[in-house]
Structures are given as structure tokens and as C-alpha cells.
């Protein structure tokens, strides 16, 4: 019996699931059939495989060839199965030996010449191969990214013939070389932003505890400048966070640039983006903007210009830190632990509706403008801050001493370290029970918070968010207990609840 079984993996979200490529060659009219829920790109692989085998100097069996991708109920897509199918045919036809192939795993798309082309998801499959204790063979362009997974056993190859010679023990395959990791230098500095001391303070608190933030103010007050400088304030990614972030990018249409390793993503989709673009989707689910911003920042400028339904799709991911995309044929889950920073104008014309500015909006226009943000979404944003117009003198004169991002980041790193030592996570990620334990208040502070909830009509969710924010402010102040001044400052960042609702 001419039979071979080759190991590979299929991608489901950012998880890699084991797949066996079973090849059976039998007598009959020449034909190659692929079964096991192959999608279009996999079904077309038979033509690529046939040409690659012939152009590599091997004989393509003129018999009936059946390829089964097991498990049969798992959808298979992409060109990653070309290489394992070609190896399986060559092993089943006795043209290359099958010694210890159960210890190997193959991924790669084949050109008609037999050259190997890169595949998506190199990081997830490298982690999967490491868990299964298998040696991974990848195209050269994919192997350098997979080599970021420490202690993974990886070889790289440029041609199908190179792998065949390796299996014949006629030559060795090279190990991938990982490009040197260059620490990113952020050119955007907080010292570039003049004035706006209260907004800067709010941004520092947001960075220290990873709190969501909404900035409201007329055009040209520095909202976008502040948001674009947040990435330079955030603590460095851990190794696991860097792997997760890179894994999501590696399975997206954009791919992952190894030069961005260890950098927190900053995503700023245009306000014409759809709900699917934000959360992900498609018949073969791909990550959306919230997943591409995992462990980083999602900046939504001109928030009220987004469709309300589009904004409301963010409500569940903001709470859970993940998104599950369900389709008729498959389901995929993507992480989406992002920090939301949003900016909006106070009215359609962009001015403050206080009777002192140039605003000509009617009360109905103002209400309609604010109603584009639903109360449940607003409730999930910790910090609401007004960013007023800058005084002309402050803008023109250069008398004030402005702190740099490096000086602010030192305080943020110290506060983040306290949080990691105390509970192993940032304050914004605390559960309700953890919030009660780590954000306990004294009697005077409890009374103050109760009065604020009554006056501002705050929800239970807002109550817990104020407690977590107070804990972050206390951490920045290097205080063990939450004091009245910390709680008062946290409450002041919820003053827009009634303004927008």
C-alpha cells in the first residue's frame, strides 16, 4: 500500500490546531482529489503541487491520488498545505524516505518552480509545534519570524528540492536567524503639547492604569496630539504580550514586520469604518481593528462621526477583552484587550455650546450630536475630560517648563510596577471582587463617593471604575491607601456623564 501521513497545522483565530495530511496512491485513472473541507486555495494546490514536483526533478505518479486533510470537519484554507501535500506524495510514491517524519511538521506554499513562498501565522504554528515537540520546517521568509519563539526547533528552506535532499541526508537545512530587536525611539514627545495640563494629567492616569479615555473639545486643542503620544508613555510589553500581539498581526492581511517586535500597536481607523472592520469577520474570520490593537491603543478620532451601531459593537470587547466571531461554517475567538482613547467635538460645529463661543447649534442639534454615543458605551469609558481652547498667550509665549515623556513615563512605570506586585495586572483589569479587595475606602471616602453617585446618577459599573481610577491615582502618588483627594480627582473625570447622556 502506498500511503503517507504528514504533520501540519491549521489556524483557528490565533490558535494552531494539528492536522494530518494523509496521502494514498492507488491504481486507477490518473487523478488527484483533496478531501477534508478544503477551501478554494487548498483545492487549487493540486496544480501547484504537480508542477513543483515535476520541476524539482521528481516523477508525478500517474495513478489515482487521494489526499485527506484530517480532521475532516475542520475547514482548511490558504496555500500552507502545498508543501505537506507534496512531501506526502513523494513519500507515498517511495521517492523520498519516510524516516522519522512523525517528528516533523511542514508548512509552505509552492511556486510552480518548486520555490517555497511564505505563509501567514508563522508564530502560532511555531508555538503549536513547540508544544507538540515537533521540528518545524518553514519557508525562509517565514522562519525568521517563527524563530522569535524561544526553544522552538525550526529549519528553513527555499525550495522543495532542499527539503528532499535533507530527508535523503544529502545536505543540511539552515536554522533561521532572527533579526536584531531594535528598541523603538518615540519621536512624539509630551513636551510638544503646550498647555492642557489637566488633559496631560488625565492621560498620565490613563497610561498608568490602562484606563479608557474620552476627550471632548473644539478643533485644534491638541486632542489628537495627546492621543498619539500615549504609546510612548505605556510600560514595555512582556514577552508573552509581544508574542500575542505579533501573532495577531501575522494572521492578518497586513502581516507582521519583525522590526515592530515588542512595540505596542496604535490603531486609528477612519470614522467611515464599519462594525466588521472594527471587530473582525468574514467567511474565514480575520481580526479587526480591536484585535490588531491588542495590548495597545485604539484611537477613535471624531467619535460622533462613527455610526452609532458601529460604536456599540465595542461594548462587549471593552468588558471581556476578547471577541468571538461566529459564522455558519466556523467560529473564531480573537483577543481584544485594547485601551480605547476617543476624541470628539462638543457640538456639530465643533465649538463649546456655552453661549460664549461661535456656536450656532440649536438644542435639538446638540442633543442629536451627543446621542450618537450610547449611555452603555460611555459608561465603559473611565475618564471623560474636557480639552478647552488654548489661550493665545500660552501658545505664542514659551515661558513654561514642559515635562518630557521620559519624565512622565518614570512615574507611570513606578505605578505600574506597584500594580503588578499587588495583583499581577493593571488596575483597569481588576474584577469586581478584586476591586473591592484592593480599592477599599474609609468611611469618609465612602460617604463622598455615595454623594457623587447620587448627584451624577452613576451606575454600578461607573462606581467600580471610579474605585479603580482612584487606586491608580494613589499609585502615582505612591500612597498605600486611597485618600479623599485621590477619590475626588477620579470623580472629577466622570463629570461629562450628564453632559453627553
Foldseek 3Di string as FASTA:
>chain_A
DLKDWAWAWADFALATHIKIKIKDWDADAFDEEEAQQEDDLVRVLVQLLCLLQVLLPHDQDRGYMYIYIPPSLDHHYDQFCNLVNNVGRCCSVVVFDPPPSVQEYGTFHGGSNQFTDADFQLQNRQVVSVVVNHAYEGAQVSQLVNPLPPPRHYFHDGGSNVVRCVRVVNDDTDHHDHDDADDDDDPQKQLVQFDPPVVLVVLLLCQLQVFAEEEEEFPPLCQVSSLVCSQLQHDWDDSVQQSLLQSLQRNAPNHHDSNCGRGQDEAEDALVDALCQAQFDDPSTHGHVLLNRQRHEYEYEQLLSHALVSLVSCLVCLQVQKDWYDDPSDIHIGGRPHRYYYYHAQFPVRHDPPVPDPDPDDPVRSLSSLVSHPLSSVLSGQFYYYRYHDDPCSVPDDDDDTDISVVSSVLSVQLNVVVCVVPNHGLSPDDPVRLCVQQPDDPVQVVVLVVLCVVLVHDPSNSSSLSSSLSSQCSSVVHRHRDNVSSVSSSVRCVCSVVRD
